[in-house]
C-alpha atoms as a PDB file:
ATOM      1  CA  PRO A   1     -19.377 -37.215-154.412  1.00  0.00           C
ATOM      2  CA  THR A   2     -20.780 -34.951-157.245  1.00  0.00           C
ATOM      3  CA  THR A   3     -21.551 -31.833-155.265  1.00  0.00           C
ATOM      4  CA  ALA A   4     -17.827 -31.876-154.660  1.00  0.00           C
ATOM      5  CA  ILE A   5     -16.671 -32.689-157.951  1.00  0.00           C
ATOM      6  CA  VAL A   6     -18.184 -29.361-159.704  1.00  0.00           C
ATOM      7  CA  ARG A   7     -17.121 -27.715-156.935  1.00  0.00           C
ATOM      8  CA  GLU A   8     -13.539 -28.480-157.783  1.00  0.00           C
ATOM      9  CA  LEU A   9     -13.928 -28.252-161.094  1.00  0.00           C
ATOM     10  CA  ALA A  10     -14.290 -24.571-160.402  1.00  0.00           C
ATOM     11  CA  GLU A  11     -11.723 -24.021-158.116  1.00  0.00           C
ATOM     12  CA  GLU A  12      -9.601 -26.219-159.540  1.00  0.00           C
ATOM     13  CA  THR A  13      -9.650 -25.925-162.755  1.00  0.00           C
ATOM     14  CA  GLY A  14     -11.637 -22.413-163.359  1.00  0.00           C
ATOM     15  CA  TYR A  15     -13.753 -24.448-165.588  1.00  0.00           C
ATOM     16  CA  VAL A  16     -17.233 -24.688-165.155  1.00  0.00           C
ATOM     17  CA  SER A  17     -19.457 -28.362-166.753  1.00  0.00           C
ATOM     18  CA  ASP A  18     -23.356 -28.496-166.716  1.00  0.00           C
ATOM     19  CA  ARG A  19     -23.272 -32.333-167.641  1.00  0.00           C
ATOM     20  CA  VAL A  20     -21.063 -34.340-165.469  1.00  0.00           C
ATOM     21  CA  ARG A  21     -21.453 -37.161-165.343  1.00  0.00           C
ATOM     22  CA  TYR A  22     -20.282 -40.249-162.375  1.00  0.00           C
ATOM     23  CA  LEU A  23     -18.212 -43.140-164.542  1.00  0.00           C
ATOM     24  CA  GLY A  24     -17.769 -45.494-161.616  1.00  0.00           C
ATOM     25  CA  SER A  25     -15.465 -45.963-158.142  1.00  0.00           C
ATOM     26  CA  VAL A  26     -12.487 -48.141-156.857  1.00  0.00           C
ATOM     27  CA  ASN A  27     -10.756 -48.423-153.185  1.00  0.00           C
ATOM     28  CA  PRO A  28      -7.811 -47.328-154.290  1.00  0.00           C
ATOM     29  CA  ASN A  29      -5.832 -49.755-151.745  1.00  0.00           C
ATOM     30  CA  PRO A  30      -9.188 -52.212-149.814  1.00  0.00           C
ATOM     31  CA  ALA A  31      -6.264 -54.125-147.720  1.00  0.00           C
ATOM     32  CA  LEU A  32      -5.007 -50.373-145.974  1.00  0.00           C
ATOM     33  CA  MET A  33      -7.707 -48.418-146.047  1.00  0.00           C
ATOM     34  CA  GLY A  34     -11.349 -47.798-146.924  1.00  0.00           C
ATOM     35  CA  ASN A  35     -11.852 -44.952-148.870  1.00  0.00           C
ATOM     36  CA  ARG A  36     -13.014 -44.435-152.579  1.00  0.00           C
ATOM     37  CA  CYS A  37     -12.020 -42.494-156.050  1.00  0.00           C
ATOM     38  CA  HIS A  38     -14.455 -41.468-158.019  1.00  0.00           C
ATOM     39  CA  THR A  39     -14.402 -40.620-161.466  1.00  0.00           C
ATOM     40  CA  TYR A  40     -16.532 -38.316-162.887  1.00  0.00           C
ATOM     41  CA  LEU A  41     -16.500 -37.002-166.433  1.00  0.00           C
ATOM     42  CA  ALA A  42     -17.522 -33.566-167.164  1.00  0.00           C
ATOM     43  CA  GLU A  43     -18.613 -33.080-171.320  1.00  0.00           C
ATOM     44  CA  ASP A  44     -19.062 -29.488-172.909  1.00  0.00           C
ATOM     45  CA  CYS A  45     -16.664 -27.538-170.452  1.00  0.00           C
ATOM     46  CA  ARG A  46     -16.723 -23.933-170.000  1.00  0.00           C
ATOM     47  CA  HIS A  47     -13.969 -21.564-169.389  1.00  0.00           C
ATOM     48  CA  PRO A  48     -16.163 -18.650-167.850  1.00  0.00           C
ATOM     49  CA  GLY A  49     -13.373 -16.257-167.180  1.00  0.00           C
ATOM     50  CA  GLY A  50     -13.025 -16.307-163.097  1.00  0.00           C
ATOM     51  CA  GLY A  51      -9.985 -18.243-162.413  1.00  0.00           C
ATOM     52  CA  GLN A  52      -9.019 -21.167-160.248  1.00  0.00           C
ATOM     53  CA  ASP A  53     -10.429 -20.428-156.860  1.00  0.00           C
ATOM     54  CA  LEU A  54      -7.076 -22.163-155.114  1.00  0.00           C
ATOM     55  CA  ASP A  55      -6.230 -22.582-151.030  1.00  0.00           C
ATOM     56  CA  GLU A  56      -2.660 -21.052-149.667  1.00  0.00           C
ATOM     57  CA  ASN A  57      -0.798 -24.402-151.076  1.00  0.00           C
ATOM     58  CA  GLU A  58      -2.389 -25.709-153.482  1.00  0.00           C
ATOM     59  CA  ILE A  59      -0.028 -25.357-156.701  1.00  0.00           C
ATOM     60  CA  ILE A  60      -1.992 -26.633-159.611  1.00  0.00           C
ATOM     61  CA  ASP A  61      -1.469 -25.877-163.704  1.00  0.00           C
ATOM     62  CA  VAL A  62      -4.143 -26.294-166.377  1.00  0.00           C
ATOM     63  CA  GLU A  63      -3.010 -28.602-169.163  1.00  0.00           C
ATOM     64  CA  LEU A  64      -5.093 -29.135-171.647  1.00  0.00           C
ATOM     65  CA  VAL A  65      -4.342 -32.827-173.191  1.00  0.00           C
ATOM     66  CA  PRO A  66      -6.062 -34.268-176.358  1.00  0.00           C
ATOM     67  CA  VAL A  67      -7.166 -37.676-175.064  1.00  0.00           C
ATOM     68  CA  GLU A  68      -5.951 -39.384-178.127  1.00  0.00           C
ATOM     69  CA  GLU A  69      -3.108 -38.557-176.753  1.00  0.00           C
ATOM     70  CA  LEU A  70      -3.222 -40.327-173.710  1.00  0.00           C
ATOM     71  CA  LEU A  71      -5.111 -43.297-175.099  1.00  0.00           C
ATOM     72  CA  GLY A  72      -2.266 -43.647-178.147  1.00  0.00           C
ATOM     73  CA  GLY A  73       0.308 -43.414-175.371  1.00  0.00           C
ATOM     74  CA  SER A  74       2.034 -40.580-176.921  1.00  0.00           C
ATOM     75  CA  ARG A  75       2.338 -38.778-173.740  1.00  0.00           C
ATOM     76  CA  ASN A  76       4.643 -41.594-173.284  1.00  0.00           C
ATOM     77  CA  GLY A  77       4.624 -43.023-169.538  1.00  0.00           C
ATOM     78  CA  GLU A  78       3.921 -39.400-168.768  1.00  0.00           C
ATOM     79  CA  PHE A  79       0.479 -40.457-165.975  1.00  0.00           C
ATOM     80  CA  ASP A  80       1.890 -42.932-163.865  1.00  0.00           C
ATOM     81  CA  HIS A  81      -0.982 -42.663-161.317  1.00  0.00           C
ATOM     82  CA  ALA A  82      -3.228 -45.663-161.149  1.00  0.00           C
ATOM     83  CA  MET A  83      -6.304 -43.437-160.180  1.00  0.00           C
ATOM     84  CA  MET A  84      -5.523 -41.924-163.978  1.00  0.00           C
ATOM     85  CA  HIS A  85      -5.585 -44.705-165.623  1.00  0.00           C
ATOM     86  CA  VAL A  86      -8.890 -46.262-163.583  1.00  0.00           C
ATOM     87  CA  ALA A  87     -10.136 -43.342-164.977  1.00  0.00           C
ATOM     88  CA  LEU A  88      -8.908 -43.006-168.301  1.00  0.00           C
ATOM     89  CA  GLU A  89     -10.720 -47.152-168.344  1.00  0.00           C
ATOM     90  CA  PHE A  90     -13.529 -45.720-167.288  1.00  0.00           C
ATOM     91  CA  TYR A  91     -13.796 -43.003-170.160  1.00  0.00           C
ATOM     92  CA  VAL A  92     -12.351 -45.627-172.268  1.00  0.00           C
ATOM     93  CA  ARG A  93     -15.668 -48.376-171.185  1.00  0.00           C
ATOM     94  CA  LEU A  94     -18.050 -45.809-171.610  1.00  0.00           C
ATOM     95  CA  GLY A  95     -17.022 -44.991-174.948  1.00  0.00           C
ATOM     96  CA  SER A  96     -17.472 -48.656-175.882  1.00  0.00           C
ATOM     97  CA  SER A  97     -20.776 -49.035-174.572  1.00  0.00           C
ATOM     98  CA  ALA A  98     -22.043 -45.783-175.687  1.00  0.00           C
ATOM     99  CA  SER A  99     -21.975 -47.833-179.189  1.00  0.00           C
END
């Protein structure tokens, strides 16, 4: 998964990072599937200017959002996907364990 996240970060966003940290994984629906959702944090991202390298049917708009907006709820329900909330919780736990 680590190799895939570095590649996908560059392909889907145009950003790269030399500091990718594994935060954890969950099974999104163990009653029906055996897949896992892995969460990583890419720190000190930079945009080298190459842009996205999307597949033919991929449509991805990159929007930079300050973490404070997500944590403070000012995005007002915009993020309603369960895996997004899991990733944000992993991030919050990382901050509390760093102190």
